[in-house]
Amino acid sequence: MQTRIAYVIPDENPFTDWEITQRYAPEGTITEQIVQKHSAAIAKVRAVIKQAELDGVIP
């Protein structure tokens, strides 16, 4: 019997407050709170990808 593992990322989109114009925004425009929120979201996705790699699901 084969076991199936689900790789799940959160449903909410933590980047709804991001716009392309922010890429070249003046320093101080992007708050530490926004950076922390985006960094936490990226860490969750990276963890899912890493687990899938460790499980051999993706190379």
C-alpha atoms as a PDB file:
ATOM      1  CA  MET A   1       0.000   0.000   0.000  1.00  0.00           C
ATOM      2  CA  GLN A   2       1.394   3.376  -1.023  1.00  0.00           C
ATOM      3  CA  THR A   3       1.146   6.286   1.390  1.00  0.00           C
ATOM      4  CA  ARG A   4       0.239   9.681  -0.045  1.00  0.00           C
ATOM      5  CA  ILE A   5       1.583  12.828   1.517  1.00  0.00           C
ATOM      6  CA  ALA A   6      -0.062  16.190   0.993  1.00  0.00           C
ATOM      7  CA  TYR A   7       2.124  19.220   0.471  1.00  0.00           C
ATOM      8  CA  VAL A   8       0.019  22.198   1.465  1.00  0.00           C
ATOM      9  CA  ILE A   9       0.700  25.900   1.452  1.00  0.00           C
ATOM     10  CA  PRO A  10      -1.651  28.353   3.171  1.00  0.00           C
ATOM     11  CA  ASP A  11      -4.717  29.522   1.219  1.00  0.00           C
ATOM     12  CA  GLU A  12      -4.286  33.180   2.084  1.00  0.00           C
ATOM     13  CA  ASN A  13      -2.093  35.294  -0.163  1.00  0.00           C
ATOM     14  CA  PRO A  14       0.339  37.260   2.014  1.00  0.00           C
ATOM     15  CA  PHE A  15       1.454  39.321  -0.986  1.00  0.00           C
ATOM     16  CA  THR A  16      -1.829  41.124  -1.671  1.00  0.00           C
ATOM     17  CA  ASP A  17      -0.210  44.301  -0.349  1.00  0.00           C
ATOM     18  CA  TRP A  18       2.693  44.099  -2.802  1.00  0.00           C
ATOM     19  CA  GLU A  19       2.835  46.080  -6.039  1.00  0.00           C
ATOM     20  CA  ILE A  20       5.508  46.095  -8.735  1.00  0.00           C
ATOM     21  CA  THR A  21       6.090  49.803  -8.141  1.00  0.00           C
ATOM     22  CA  GLN A  22       7.440  48.949  -4.683  1.00  0.00           C
ATOM     23  CA  ARG A  23      10.464  47.329  -6.308  1.00  0.00           C
ATOM     24  CA  TYR A  24      12.109  50.727  -6.692  1.00  0.00           C
ATOM     25  CA  ALA A  25      10.334  52.477  -3.813  1.00  0.00           C
ATOM     26  CA  PRO A  26      12.308  54.905  -1.671  1.00  0.00           C
ATOM     27  CA  GLU A  27      13.941  53.488   1.440  1.00  0.00           C
ATOM     28  CA  GLY A  28      11.550  53.387   4.376  1.00  0.00           C
ATOM     29  CA  THR A  29       8.467  52.939   2.198  1.00  0.00           C
ATOM     30  CA  ILE A  30       8.284  49.228   2.943  1.00  0.00           C
ATOM     31  CA  THR A  31       7.838  48.626   6.655  1.00  0.00           C
ATOM     32  CA  GLU A  32       9.518  45.978   8.788  1.00  0.00           C
ATOM     33  CA  GLN A  33       6.084  44.456   9.410  1.00  0.00           C
ATOM     34  CA  ILE A  34       5.563  43.918   5.672  1.00  0.00           C
ATOM     35  CA  VAL A  35       9.036  42.422   5.302  1.00  0.00           C
ATOM     36  CA  GLN A  36       8.420  40.026   8.195  1.00  0.00           C
ATOM     37  CA  LYS A  37       5.045  38.955   6.780  1.00  0.00           C
ATOM     38  CA  HIS A  38       6.514  38.271   3.348  1.00  0.00           C
ATOM     39  CA  SER A  39       9.555  36.492   4.808  1.00  0.00           C
ATOM     40  CA  ALA A  40       7.334  34.214   6.902  1.00  0.00           C
ATOM     41  CA  ALA A  41       5.268  33.309   3.839  1.00  0.00           C
ATOM     42  CA  ILE A  42       8.377  32.542   1.810  1.00  0.00           C
ATOM     43  CA  ALA A  43       9.714  30.351   4.632  1.00  0.00           C
ATOM     44  CA  LYS A  44       6.492  28.289   4.613  1.00  0.00           C
ATOM     45  CA  VAL A  45       6.709  27.685   0.875  1.00  0.00           C
ATOM     46  CA  ARG A  46      10.419  26.841   1.078  1.00  0.00           C
ATOM     47  CA  ALA A  47       9.695  24.311   3.849  1.00  0.00           C
ATOM     48  CA  VAL A  48       7.048  22.580   1.721  1.00  0.00           C
ATOM     49  CA  ILE A  49       9.420  22.425  -1.251  1.00  0.00           C
ATOM     50  CA  LYS A  50      12.282  21.139   0.902  1.00  0.00           C
ATOM     51  CA  GLN A  51      10.096  18.394   2.367  1.00  0.00           C
ATOM     52  CA  ALA A  52       8.969  17.356  -1.111  1.00  0.00           C
ATOM     53  CA  GLU A  53      12.626  17.185  -2.180  1.00  0.00           C
ATOM     54  CA  LEU A  54      13.554  15.103   0.873  1.00  0.00           C
ATOM     55  CA  ASP A  55      10.654  12.758   0.142  1.00  0.00           C
ATOM     56  CA  GLY A  56      11.826  12.384  -3.458  1.00  0.00           C
ATOM     57  CA  VAL A  57       8.658  13.888  -4.904  1.00  0.00           C
ATOM     58  CA  ILE A  58      10.634  16.555  -6.782  1.00  0.00           C
ATOM     59  CA  PRO A  59      14.313  16.413  -7.773  1.00  0.00           C
END
